Amino acid sequence: MTPSLDRISINHMLILPTLTKYLAGSTALVGFLSEMAKQGHVSAASMNSSVGFLLHPLDVPGLAILISPGIQLGRNCLPAIAGACVGIALRSAGSALLS
């Protein structure tokens, strides 16, 4: 995947942190990125540019918390997910423009 990611200017070292974030949550992501930065695998500039799409509560643990209270709240989670996707897209675009 590296050649295709290089063509669109995405650091291939962000694949594993992205998977970690969506499967384990933001706390696991921060710990993982901290270790990657200590080992020199990812730069501060790369981390800052990826914050727009990585730091938010829309991940598997966040969805489990949102859906767990019951059926009535579960029905109302689709508008919340749609709004979160719009917010993540806007934040990612803003982060990309400012970096």
C-alpha atoms as a PDB file:
ATOM      1  CA  MET A   1       0.000   0.000   0.000  1.00  0.00           C
ATOM      2  CA  THR A   2       2.979   2.315   0.421  1.00  0.00           C
ATOM      3  CA  PRO A   3       3.188   3.455  -3.247  1.00  0.00           C
ATOM      4  CA  SER A   4      -0.509   4.305  -3.401  1.00  0.00           C
ATOM      5  CA  LEU A   5      -0.378   6.154  -0.063  1.00  0.00           C
ATOM      6  CA  ASP A   6       2.715   8.069  -1.194  1.00  0.00           C
ATOM      7  CA  ARG A   7       0.843   9.263  -4.287  1.00  0.00           C
ATOM      8  CA  ILE A   8      -1.820  10.907  -2.129  1.00  0.00           C
ATOM      9  CA  SER A   9       0.719  12.178   0.469  1.00  0.00           C
ATOM     10  CA  ILE A  10      -0.339   9.948   3.378  1.00  0.00           C
ATOM     11  CA  ASN A  11       2.348   8.628   5.699  1.00  0.00           C
ATOM     12  CA  HIS A  12       2.240   4.808   5.574  1.00  0.00           C
ATOM     13  CA  MET A  13       3.330   4.710   9.223  1.00  0.00           C
ATOM     14  CA  LEU A  14      -0.171   5.907  10.218  1.00  0.00           C
ATOM     15  CA  ILE A  15      -1.947   2.692   9.155  1.00  0.00           C
ATOM     16  CA  LEU A  16      -1.320   0.812  12.399  1.00  0.00           C
ATOM     17  CA  PRO A  17      -2.141   3.791  14.672  1.00  0.00           C
ATOM     18  CA  THR A  18      -5.396   4.295  12.740  1.00  0.00           C
ATOM     19  CA  LEU A  19      -6.377   0.652  13.238  1.00  0.00           C
ATOM     20  CA  THR A  20      -5.404   0.904  16.914  1.00  0.00           C
ATOM     21  CA  LYS A  21      -7.569   3.988  17.368  1.00  0.00           C
ATOM     22  CA  TYR A  22     -10.698   2.568  15.770  1.00  0.00           C
ATOM     23  CA  LEU A  23     -10.433  -0.785  17.550  1.00  0.00           C
ATOM     24  CA  ALA A  24      -9.143   0.275  20.983  1.00  0.00           C
ATOM     25  CA  GLY A  25      -9.928   3.967  21.397  1.00  0.00           C
ATOM     26  CA  SER A  26      -8.134   7.271  21.771  1.00  0.00           C
ATOM     27  CA  THR A  27      -6.263   6.378  24.962  1.00  0.00           C
ATOM     28  CA  ALA A  28      -4.620   3.407  23.253  1.00  0.00           C
ATOM     29  CA  LEU A  29      -3.820   5.614  20.260  1.00  0.00           C
ATOM     30  CA  VAL A  30      -2.030   8.218  22.370  1.00  0.00           C
ATOM     31  CA  GLY A  31       0.057   5.536  24.078  1.00  0.00           C
ATOM     32  CA  PHE A  32       0.866   3.913  20.757  1.00  0.00           C
ATOM     33  CA  LEU A  33       1.856   7.203  19.089  1.00  0.00           C
ATOM     34  CA  SER A  34       3.974   8.105  22.097  1.00  0.00           C
ATOM     35  CA  GLU A  35       5.971   4.891  21.723  1.00  0.00           C
ATOM     36  CA  MET A  36       6.287   5.381  17.965  1.00  0.00           C
ATOM     37  CA  ALA A  37       7.593   8.913  18.509  1.00  0.00           C
ATOM     38  CA  LYS A  38      10.134   7.704  21.103  1.00  0.00           C
ATOM     39  CA  GLN A  39      11.434   5.134  18.624  1.00  0.00           C
ATOM     40  CA  GLY A  40      11.573   7.716  15.820  1.00  0.00           C
ATOM     41  CA  HIS A  41       9.015   6.018  13.553  1.00  0.00           C
ATOM     42  CA  VAL A  42       6.691   9.017  13.324  1.00  0.00           C
ATOM     43  CA  SER A  43       7.451  12.732  13.481  1.00  0.00           C
ATOM     44  CA  ALA A  44       5.636  15.410  15.434  1.00  0.00           C
ATOM     45  CA  ALA A  45       4.544  17.053  12.177  1.00  0.00           C
ATOM     46  CA  SER A  46       3.022  13.791  10.965  1.00  0.00           C
ATOM     47  CA  MET A  47       1.178  13.309  14.252  1.00  0.00           C
ATOM     48  CA  ASN A  48      -0.154  16.872  14.179  1.00  0.00           C
ATOM     49  CA  SER A  49      -1.443  16.483  10.637  1.00  0.00           C
ATOM     50  CA  SER A  50      -3.283  13.270  11.523  1.00  0.00           C
ATOM     51  CA  VAL A  51      -5.008  14.624  14.635  1.00  0.00           C
ATOM     52  CA  GLY A  52      -8.024  15.803  12.629  1.00  0.00           C
ATOM     53  CA  PHE A  53      -9.157  12.295  11.788  1.00  0.00           C
ATOM     54  CA  LEU A  54      -7.706  10.334  14.710  1.00  0.00           C
ATOM     55  CA  LEU A  55      -8.746  12.122  17.905  1.00  0.00           C
ATOM     56  CA  HIS A  56     -12.505  11.842  18.319  1.00  0.00           C
ATOM     57  CA  PRO A  57     -14.920   9.538  20.204  1.00  0.00           C
ATOM     58  CA  LEU A  58     -16.286   7.726  17.120  1.00  0.00           C
ATOM     59  CA  ASP A  59     -14.642   4.308  17.438  1.00  0.00           C
ATOM     60  CA  VAL A  60     -15.710   0.806  18.448  1.00  0.00           C
ATOM     61  CA  PRO A  61     -15.504   1.454  22.238  1.00  0.00           C
ATOM     62  CA  GLY A  62     -17.289   4.810  21.823  1.00  0.00           C
ATOM     63  CA  LEU A  63     -20.081   3.245  19.784  1.00  0.00           C
ATOM     64  CA  ALA A  64     -20.468   0.461  22.342  1.00  0.00           C
ATOM     65  CA  ILE A  65     -20.967   3.063  25.068  1.00  0.00           C
ATOM     66  CA  LEU A  66     -23.416   5.018  22.886  1.00  0.00           C
ATOM     67  CA  ILE A  67     -25.535   1.975  22.021  1.00  0.00           C
ATOM     68  CA  SER A  68     -25.385   0.133  25.377  1.00  0.00           C
ATOM     69  CA  PRO A  69     -28.090   2.034  27.372  1.00  0.00           C
ATOM     70  CA  GLY A  70     -30.930   0.487  25.419  1.00  0.00           C
ATOM     71  CA  ILE A  71     -33.032   0.252  22.299  1.00  0.00           C
ATOM     72  CA  GLN A  72     -34.475   3.755  22.483  1.00  0.00           C
ATOM     73  CA  LEU A  73     -31.083   5.436  22.640  1.00  0.00           C
ATOM     74  CA  GLY A  74     -29.741   2.970  20.071  1.00  0.00           C
ATOM     75  CA  ARG A  75     -32.330   4.180  17.561  1.00  0.00           C
ATOM     76  CA  ASN A  76     -31.162   7.750  18.028  1.00  0.00           C
ATOM     77  CA  CYS A  77     -27.481   6.986  17.531  1.00  0.00           C
ATOM     78  CA  LEU A  78     -27.599   7.161  13.713  1.00  0.00           C
ATOM     79  CA  PRO A  79     -27.994  10.981  13.620  1.00  0.00           C
ATOM     80  CA  ALA A  80     -25.168  11.240  16.172  1.00  0.00           C
ATOM     81  CA  ILE A  81     -22.921   9.051  14.010  1.00  0.00           C
ATOM     82  CA  ALA A  82     -23.768  11.075  10.893  1.00  0.00           C
ATOM     83  CA  GLY A  83     -22.992  14.318  12.715  1.00  0.00           C
ATOM     84  CA  ALA A  84     -19.733  12.887  13.997  1.00  0.00           C
ATOM     85  CA  CYS A  85     -18.716  11.884  10.458  1.00  0.00           C
ATOM     86  CA  VAL A  86     -19.410  15.423   9.200  1.00  0.00           C
ATOM     87  CA  GLY A  87     -17.443  16.893  12.104  1.00  0.00           C
ATOM     88  CA  ILE A  88     -14.507  14.543  11.527  1.00  0.00           C
ATOM     89  CA  ALA A  89     -14.465  15.412   7.817  1.00  0.00           C
ATOM     90  CA  LEU A  90     -14.477  19.159   8.535  1.00  0.00           C
ATOM     91  CA  ARG A  91     -11.810  18.833  11.207  1.00  0.00           C
ATOM     92  CA  SER A  92      -9.639  16.697   8.912  1.00  0.00           C
ATOM     93  CA  ALA A  93      -9.976  19.233   6.104  1.00  0.00           C
ATOM     94  CA  GLY A  94      -9.104  22.081   8.451  1.00  0.00           C
ATOM     95  CA  SER A  95      -6.146  20.186   9.829  1.00  0.00           C
ATOM     96  CA  ALA A  96      -4.900  19.419   6.318  1.00  0.00           C
ATOM     97  CA  LEU A  97      -5.241  23.054   5.239  1.00  0.00           C
ATOM     98  CA  LEU A  98      -3.414  24.420   8.282  1.00  0.00           C
ATOM     99  CA  SER A  99      -0.487  21.987   8.168  1.00  0.00           C
END
